[in-house]
Amino acid sequence: MILKADSQITTLLDFRYQQHYRANRGQHGKGKNQEGRSAPPLILPVPVGTIVRDAVSGEILRDFTKKGETFIVARGGWGGRGNAHFATPTLQAPRHAEPGQTGEERWLLLELKLMADVGIVGFPNVGKSTLISKISAVRPKIADYPFTTLVPHLGVVNFKDHKPLVVADIPGIITGAHEGTGLGLRFLRHIERTSLLLHLLDISGNSQRDPLEDYLALNRELSLFSPKLAAKPQVVALNKIDMPEASRNLIEVRRYFKKIKKEVYPISALTGEGLPSLLSSLSKAITQRLKEDKQE
């Protein structure tokens, strides 16, 4: 049985609904000294970014980081040798044969950590799904209630003459996510492999939320889950500037980020306003990040 990384697959949902897999059996030997035919391997596709662990020991057996990678997780049995193999000139019809051996059986734990350049993070309903649908070909479910997004979405962003970016829309993070609240632990791990985070804030005033409190709360959750994750570079986008109350909120929010010397990008994911400037900044930040990684 073989696992193979497939870039066309983005979730492990198939393994949730079918947890037992068995490769086909080979054929028995036949008369006229014919050997039994071997069965073909069972190849199971998994998303790039899948970590394979032994369910008993917890040991990491494989970390798929590139498409096309394969890993043999269980080997088939050996069919043994029939009595014809033991024939000699003096014993042309031996009455003994060699029994075969059964194949391997094992339990595995599969964990997916998406491979993306940019991870879009934010509280529920800040416009993450709308943004990724605007800048890529991904069409996630969009609705005005919390946790519309139940699974991460990957989109490829092509912007002018910049290098294409892979962007991940991560389901909404809320206070207590590092302890599993909401969709917490199920999706925080997905942004561990991103090069940078795009922190989306809602400044429309319609949600009755304070964007600055959300900014601090989400970064606190990231830090509690993983200090390494909290240390990732962040680009901050102020979304929903097309709403009536946004202009008033924008002044206060900009004042705060100017005080901490962090640039922000006012945008409207719905109308597209401000997106060219944001995408250009993301592309430059990723390019700089790649240069730093090579130097290390």
Protein backbone atom coordinates (compact mmCIF):
# COMPACT_ATOMS: atom_id res chain seq x y z
CA MET A 1 0.00 0.00 0.00
CA ILE A 2 1.45 3.33 -1.09
CA LEU A 3 0.61 6.94 -0.20
CA LYS A 4 1.28 9.49 -2.94
CA ALA A 5 1.22 13.29 -2.65
CA ASP A 6 -1.28 14.79 -5.09
CA SER A 7 -1.47 18.57 -5.62
CA GLN A 8 -5.06 18.25 -6.88
CA ILE A 9 -6.29 17.11 -3.44
CA THR A 10 -6.63 19.64 -0.61
CA THR A 11 -8.34 17.73 2.23
CA LEU A 12 -8.25 14.38 4.05
CA LEU A 13 -12.04 14.04 4.12
CA ASP A 14 -11.98 10.78 2.12
CA PHE A 15 -10.08 9.11 4.97
CA ARG A 16 -12.66 10.29 7.47
CA TYR A 17 -15.43 8.37 5.76
CA GLN A 18 -13.34 5.32 4.86
CA GLN A 19 -10.77 4.35 7.45
CA HIS A 20 -9.93 0.79 6.35
CA TYR A 21 -8.07 0.04 3.15
CA ARG A 22 -6.98 -3.36 1.88
CA ALA A 23 -4.88 -4.05 -1.20
CA ASN A 24 -6.10 -6.78 -3.57
CA ARG A 25 -4.84 -10.31 -3.12
CA GLY A 26 -2.57 -12.00 -5.61
CA GLN A 27 -3.60 -15.19 -7.43
CA HIS A 28 -2.81 -18.77 -6.49
CA GLY A 29 -0.38 -20.81 -8.52
CA LYS A 30 -1.78 -23.06 -11.26
CA GLY A 31 -0.94 -26.27 -12.96
CA LYS A 32 1.93 -26.64 -15.44
CA ASN A 33 4.25 -24.91 -12.95
CA GLN A 34 2.53 -21.55 -13.30
CA GLU A 35 3.28 -19.04 -10.56
CA GLY A 36 0.47 -16.97 -9.07
CA ARG A 37 0.14 -13.45 -10.39
CA SER A 38 1.13 -10.62 -8.04
CA ALA A 39 -1.51 -8.02 -7.23
CA PRO A 40 -0.87 -4.39 -8.17
CA PRO A 41 -0.11 -1.96 -5.31
CA LEU A 42 -2.92 0.09 -3.82
CA ILE A 43 -2.01 3.77 -4.29
CA LEU A 44 -3.85 6.26 -2.09
CA PRO A 45 -3.53 9.97 -2.97
CA VAL A 46 -3.04 12.46 -0.14
CA PRO A 47 -2.67 16.26 -0.19
CA VAL A 48 0.74 17.87 -0.28
CA GLY A 49 1.48 18.83 3.32
CA THR A 50 0.26 15.55 4.84
CA ILE A 51 2.17 14.22 7.84
CA VAL A 52 2.01 10.45 8.35
CA ARG A 53 2.40 9.13 11.90
CA ASP A 54 2.39 5.66 13.39
CA ALA A 55 -0.80 5.44 15.45
CA VAL A 56 0.87 3.40 18.18
CA SER A 57 4.23 5.12 18.70
CA GLY A 58 3.33 8.55 17.33
CA GLU A 59 6.52 8.50 15.25
CA ILE A 60 6.49 10.64 12.10
CA LEU A 61 6.96 8.26 9.20
CA ARG A 62 6.69 10.74 6.33
CA ASP A 63 6.14 14.42 5.71
CA PHE A 64 4.89 15.06 2.17
CA THR A 65 6.16 18.46 1.03
CA LYS A 66 6.25 18.00 -2.76
CA LYS A 67 3.75 16.64 -5.25
CA GLY A 68 4.50 13.18 -6.62
CA GLU A 69 6.30 11.96 -3.50
CA THR A 70 5.47 8.37 -2.54
CA PHE A 71 5.82 6.32 0.61
CA ILE A 72 5.23 2.61 1.16
CA VAL A 73 3.17 2.34 4.34
CA ALA A 74 2.50 -1.43 4.26
CA ARG A 75 4.16 -4.16 2.23
CA GLY A 76 2.29 -7.08 0.77
CA GLY A 77 2.81 -10.68 1.81
CA TRP A 78 5.11 -13.18 0.15
CA GLY A 79 3.35 -15.96 -1.72
CA GLY A 80 5.71 -18.77 -0.82
CA ARG A 81 7.01 -21.48 -3.18
CA GLY A 82 5.14 -24.48 -4.47
CA ASN A 83 6.33 -28.09 -4.49
CA ALA A 84 7.73 -27.74 -8.03
CA HIS A 85 10.44 -25.48 -6.67
CA PHE A 86 11.78 -28.29 -4.48
CA ALA A 87 11.88 -30.93 -7.22
CA THR A 88 15.20 -32.68 -7.82
CA PRO A 89 16.33 -35.30 -10.33
CA THR A 90 15.76 -37.97 -7.69
CA LEU A 91 12.58 -36.45 -6.21
CA GLN A 92 10.54 -35.14 -9.10
CA ALA A 93 7.24 -34.90 -7.20
CA PRO A 94 7.97 -33.63 -3.69
CA ARG A 95 5.01 -33.53 -1.31
CA HIS A 96 5.99 -30.40 0.56
CA ALA A 97 5.79 -26.70 -0.25
CA GLU A 98 6.68 -23.42 1.43
CA PRO A 99 3.81 -21.47 3.00
CA GLY A 100 3.41 -17.81 2.17
CA GLN A 101 3.45 -14.89 4.59
CA THR A 102 0.71 -12.41 5.31
CA GLY A 103 1.08 -8.75 4.41
CA GLU A 104 1.68 -5.93 6.87
CA GLU A 105 -1.15 -4.31 8.80
CA ARG A 106 -0.83 -0.99 10.60
CA TRP A 107 -2.81 1.96 11.87
CA LEU A 108 -1.75 5.40 10.70
CA LEU A 109 -2.63 8.94 11.73
CA LEU A 110 -2.79 11.47 8.90
CA GLU A 111 -2.44 15.16 9.69
CA LEU A 112 -2.67 17.90 7.09
CA LYS A 113 -0.75 21.16 7.27
CA LEU A 114 -1.46 23.19 4.17
CA MET A 115 1.45 24.42 2.07
CA ALA A 116 0.82 28.06 1.19
CA ASP A 117 2.70 31.33 0.79
CA VAL A 118 0.07 33.41 2.59
CA GLY A 119 -2.40 32.40 5.30
CA ILE A 120 -5.43 34.68 5.67
CA VAL A 121 -6.37 34.89 9.35
CA GLY A 122 -9.05 36.80 11.21
CA PHE A 123 -12.17 36.47 13.32
CA PRO A 124 -15.33 35.02 11.71
CA ASN A 125 -17.10 37.19 9.14
CA VAL A 126 -14.27 39.65 8.52
CA GLY A 127 -14.36 38.83 4.80
CA LYS A 128 -11.67 36.16 4.33
CA SER A 129 -13.74 34.04 1.94
CA THR A 130 -14.84 37.09 -0.03
CA LEU A 131 -11.22 38.17 -0.39
CA ILE A 132 -9.90 34.83 -1.64
CA SER A 133 -12.81 34.57 -4.09
CA LYS A 134 -11.91 38.02 -5.42
CA ILE A 135 -8.18 37.46 -5.90
CA SER A 136 -8.26 33.81 -7.07
CA ALA A 137 -10.47 31.28 -8.82
CA VAL A 138 -11.59 29.70 -5.53
CA ARG A 139 -15.31 29.99 -4.80
CA PRO A 140 -15.88 29.21 -1.10
CA LYS A 141 -19.26 29.48 0.59
CA ILE A 142 -19.96 33.07 1.62
CA ALA A 143 -22.72 33.96 4.11
CA ASP A 144 -23.39 36.36 6.96
CA TYR A 145 -22.96 34.01 9.91
CA PRO A 146 -19.97 32.68 11.91
CA PHE A 147 -17.93 29.71 10.68
CA THR A 148 -19.22 29.79 7.11
CA THR A 149 -15.86 28.32 6.15
CA LEU A 150 -15.51 24.82 7.62
CA VAL A 151 -12.47 23.66 5.65
CA PRO A 152 -9.41 25.63 4.49
CA HIS A 153 -9.37 26.78 0.87
CA LEU A 154 -6.27 27.18 -1.31
CA GLY A 155 -6.18 29.67 -4.14
CA VAL A 156 -3.50 30.70 -6.63
CA VAL A 157 -3.17 34.47 -7.06
CA ASN A 158 -1.75 35.80 -10.32
CA PHE A 159 -1.01 39.52 -10.10
CA LYS A 160 0.54 41.41 -13.04
CA ASP A 161 4.20 40.46 -13.48
CA HIS A 162 4.63 39.19 -9.92
CA LYS A 163 5.31 35.57 -9.03
CA PRO A 164 2.06 33.61 -8.45
CA LEU A 165 1.12 33.25 -4.79
CA VAL A 166 -0.63 30.36 -3.06
CA VAL A 167 -3.09 31.77 -0.53
CA ALA A 168 -4.95 29.81 2.16
CA ASP A 169 -8.29 30.96 3.58
CA ILE A 170 -8.25 29.69 7.17
CA PRO A 171 -11.60 29.26 9.02
CA GLY A 172 -12.33 31.96 11.60
CA ILE A 173 -10.23 32.00 14.76
CA ILE A 174 -11.86 33.11 18.02
CA THR A 175 -10.78 33.67 21.62
CA GLY A 176 -9.79 30.33 23.16
CA ALA A 177 -8.87 28.79 19.81
CA HIS A 178 -5.51 27.58 21.18
CA GLU A 179 -7.50 25.38 23.59
CA GLY A 180 -9.79 24.06 20.86
CA THR A 181 -12.63 26.59 21.12
CA GLY A 182 -14.58 26.99 17.89
CA LEU A 183 -12.64 25.29 15.12
CA GLY A 184 -9.41 26.16 16.99
CA LEU A 185 -6.86 23.38 16.99
CA ARG A 186 -8.26 21.83 13.82
CA PHE A 187 -7.05 24.75 11.72
CA LEU A 188 -4.42 26.72 13.63
CA ARG A 189 -1.87 24.12 12.51
CA HIS A 190 -2.62 24.90 8.87
CA ILE A 191 -0.92 28.29 9.08
CA GLU A 192 2.28 26.91 10.63
CA ARG A 193 3.78 26.35 7.18
CA THR A 194 2.78 29.62 5.57
CA SER A 195 5.53 32.13 4.83
CA LEU A 196 3.52 35.06 6.15
CA LEU A 197 0.10 35.89 7.57
CA LEU A 198 -2.45 38.29 6.13
CA HIS A 199 -4.37 39.59 9.13
CA LEU A 200 -7.82 40.77 8.03
CA LEU A 201 -9.73 43.23 10.22
CA ASP A 202 -13.34 44.39 9.84
CA ILE A 203 -13.60 48.18 10.22
CA SER A 204 -17.18 48.50 8.94
CA GLY A 205 -18.63 48.92 12.44
CA ASN A 206 -21.54 46.63 11.50
CA SER A 207 -20.32 43.67 13.54
CA GLN A 208 -20.18 45.67 16.80
CA ARG A 209 -16.60 44.44 17.21
CA ASP A 210 -13.54 46.55 17.94
CA PRO A 211 -10.96 45.84 15.20
CA LEU A 212 -8.06 46.74 17.49
CA GLU A 213 -9.27 44.37 20.20
CA ASP A 214 -9.65 41.67 17.54
CA TYR A 215 -6.10 42.32 16.33
CA LEU A 216 -4.63 41.94 19.80
CA ALA A 217 -6.84 38.96 20.71
CA LEU A 218 -5.98 36.98 17.58
CA ASN A 219 -2.26 37.57 17.98
CA ARG A 220 -2.57 36.44 21.57
CA GLU A 221 -4.19 33.20 20.38
CA LEU A 222 -1.41 32.65 17.85
CA SER A 223 1.21 33.19 20.55
CA LEU A 224 -0.46 30.80 22.99
CA PHE A 225 -0.70 28.13 20.30
CA SER A 226 2.87 28.55 19.05
CA PRO A 227 5.39 31.36 19.68
CA LYS A 228 6.99 30.46 16.35
CA LEU A 229 3.66 31.02 14.62
CA ALA A 230 3.17 34.38 16.32
CA ALA A 231 6.62 35.47 15.12
CA LYS A 232 5.72 35.06 11.45
CA PRO A 233 5.65 38.27 9.38
CA GLN A 234 2.19 39.84 9.17
CA VAL A 235 0.52 42.12 6.69
CA VAL A 236 -2.56 43.87 8.05
CA ALA A 237 -5.54 44.67 5.81
CA LEU A 238 -8.47 46.80 6.96
CA ASN A 239 -11.48 45.38 5.16
CA LYS A 240 -14.95 46.72 4.30
CA ILE A 241 -13.91 50.35 3.73
CA ASP A 242 -16.90 50.62 1.37
CA MET A 243 -19.29 50.65 4.36
CA PRO A 244 -20.68 53.99 5.65
CA GLU A 245 -19.10 53.87 9.14
CA ALA A 246 -15.71 52.63 7.91
CA SER A 247 -14.18 56.05 7.25
CA ARG A 248 -14.64 57.12 10.87
CA ASN A 249 -13.19 53.86 12.22
CA LEU A 250 -10.33 54.00 9.74
CA ILE A 251 -8.89 57.15 11.32
CA GLU A 252 -8.63 55.61 14.79
CA VAL A 253 -7.29 52.27 13.57
CA ARG A 254 -4.67 53.91 11.36
CA ARG A 255 -3.56 56.08 14.28
CA TYR A 256 -2.90 52.97 16.39
CA PHE A 257 -0.88 51.17 13.72
CA LYS A 258 1.11 54.30 12.94
CA LYS A 259 1.99 54.45 16.63
CA ILE A 260 3.38 50.89 16.56
CA LYS A 261 5.04 51.63 13.19
CA LYS A 262 3.13 49.04 11.19
CA GLU A 263 1.77 49.73 7.73
CA VAL A 264 -1.83 48.80 7.01
CA TYR A 265 -3.78 48.41 3.76
CA PRO A 266 -7.39 49.65 3.63
CA ILE A 267 -9.35 47.47 1.20
CA SER A 268 -12.80 46.37 0.16
CA ALA A 269 -12.78 42.68 -0.69
CA LEU A 270 -16.27 43.12 -2.11
CA THR A 271 -15.57 45.99 -4.54
CA GLY A 272 -11.87 45.36 -5.12
CA GLU A 273 -10.78 48.77 -3.82
CA GLY A 274 -7.21 48.73 -2.50
CA LEU A 275 -6.48 45.16 -3.62
CA PRO A 276 -3.69 46.00 -6.14
CA SER A 277 -1.66 47.73 -3.41
CA LEU A 278 -2.24 44.83 -1.00
CA LEU A 279 -1.27 42.14 -3.52
CA SER A 280 1.85 44.03 -4.50
CA SER A 281 2.87 44.23 -0.84
CA LEU A 282 2.23 40.51 -0.32
CA SER A 283 4.29 39.59 -3.37
CA LYS A 284 7.23 41.74 -2.26
CA ALA A 285 7.05 40.35 1.28
CA ILE A 286 7.09 36.75 0.00
CA THR A 287 10.04 37.48 -2.29
CA GLN A 288 11.94 38.98 0.63
CA ARG A 289 11.05 36.02 2.82
CA LEU A 290 12.38 33.56 0.24
CA LYS A 291 15.66 35.47 0.03
CA GLU A 292 16.04 35.35 3.81
CA ASP A 293 15.34 31.60 3.87
CA LYS A 294 18.03 30.97 1.23
CA GLN A 295 20.57 32.98 3.22
CA GLU A 296 19.83 30.92 6.32
